[in-house]
Amino acid sequence: AAKSLLNRLDLPFEERDLTGDRTARMDLMQQTGQRTVPQIFVGEVHVGGFTELRALHSQGKLLPLVNS
């Protein structure tokens, strides 16, 4: 759903599959405090998951964040 929204908005993104990388998953969990995926970042800003991404877009705050 997150990829679909970003594609619809014509926003480029980088997807990282951490399936086989336990260390990277642990690092992400320490950084975000979350165990679920996706965990979405805009630059260095942790947005959260898809629900938070969609809420930012609905509030008109996603594109300004991307453009900053």
Protein backbone atom coordinates (compact mmCIF):
# COMPACT_ATOMS: atom_id res chain seq x y z
CA ALA A 1 0.00 0.00 0.00
CA ALA A 2 2.87 2.39 0.81
CA LYS A 3 4.56 1.70 -2.52
CA SER A 4 1.26 2.20 -4.32
CA LEU A 5 0.72 5.59 -2.67
CA LEU A 6 4.27 6.73 -3.40
CA ASN A 7 3.98 5.57 -7.02
CA ARG A 8 0.63 7.34 -7.39
CA LEU A 9 2.26 10.54 -6.13
CA ASP A 10 5.21 9.93 -8.50
CA LEU A 11 7.63 10.00 -5.55
CA PRO A 12 10.81 7.97 -5.86
CA PHE A 13 11.66 5.59 -3.04
CA GLU A 14 14.22 3.01 -2.07
CA GLU A 15 12.97 -0.31 -0.78
CA ARG A 16 15.20 -2.36 1.51
CA ASP A 17 14.37 -6.00 2.11
CA LEU A 18 15.68 -6.96 5.54
CA THR A 19 14.29 -10.49 5.46
CA GLY A 20 17.65 -12.26 5.69
CA ASP A 21 19.51 -9.60 7.65
CA ARG A 22 18.89 -10.03 11.37
CA THR A 23 21.39 -7.31 12.30
CA ALA A 24 19.68 -4.76 10.03
CA ARG A 25 16.26 -5.71 11.45
CA MET A 26 17.55 -5.25 15.01
CA ASP A 27 19.12 -1.89 14.07
CA LEU A 28 15.83 -0.74 12.53
CA MET A 29 13.92 -1.85 15.60
CA GLN A 30 16.30 0.06 17.87
CA GLN A 31 16.08 3.14 15.66
CA THR A 32 12.30 3.19 15.34
CA GLY A 33 11.04 1.26 18.36
CA GLN A 34 8.81 -0.68 15.93
CA ARG A 35 8.80 -4.35 14.90
CA THR A 36 6.36 -4.05 12.01
CA VAL A 37 7.07 -3.30 8.37
CA PRO A 38 7.12 -1.14 6.46
CA GLN A 39 8.97 1.52 8.40
CA ILE A 40 9.10 4.61 6.23
CA PHE A 41 11.66 7.37 6.28
CA VAL A 42 11.71 10.62 4.35
CA GLY A 43 15.39 11.41 4.35
CA GLU A 44 16.40 11.03 7.98
CA VAL A 45 12.85 11.61 9.29
CA HIS A 46 11.05 8.49 10.50
CA VAL A 47 7.45 8.73 9.33
CA GLY A 48 6.23 5.41 10.74
CA GLY A 49 4.26 2.83 8.79
CA PHE A 50 1.73 3.09 6.01
CA THR A 51 -1.00 4.44 8.29
CA GLU A 52 1.19 7.37 9.30
CA LEU A 53 2.30 7.92 5.69
CA ARG A 54 -1.32 8.04 4.53
CA ALA A 55 -2.25 10.40 7.38
CA LEU A 56 0.60 12.77 6.45
CA HIS A 57 -0.61 12.80 2.87
CA SER A 58 -4.24 13.35 3.91
CA GLN A 59 -3.16 16.29 6.08
CA GLY A 60 -1.20 17.83 3.20
CA LYS A 61 2.09 17.38 5.06
CA LEU A 62 3.79 14.64 3.03
CA LEU A 63 4.81 16.64 -0.04
CA PRO A 64 6.19 19.57 2.01
CA LEU A 65 8.24 17.05 4.03
CA VAL A 66 9.54 15.43 0.83
CA ASN A 67 10.39 18.82 -0.65
CA SER A 68 12.22 20.09 2.43
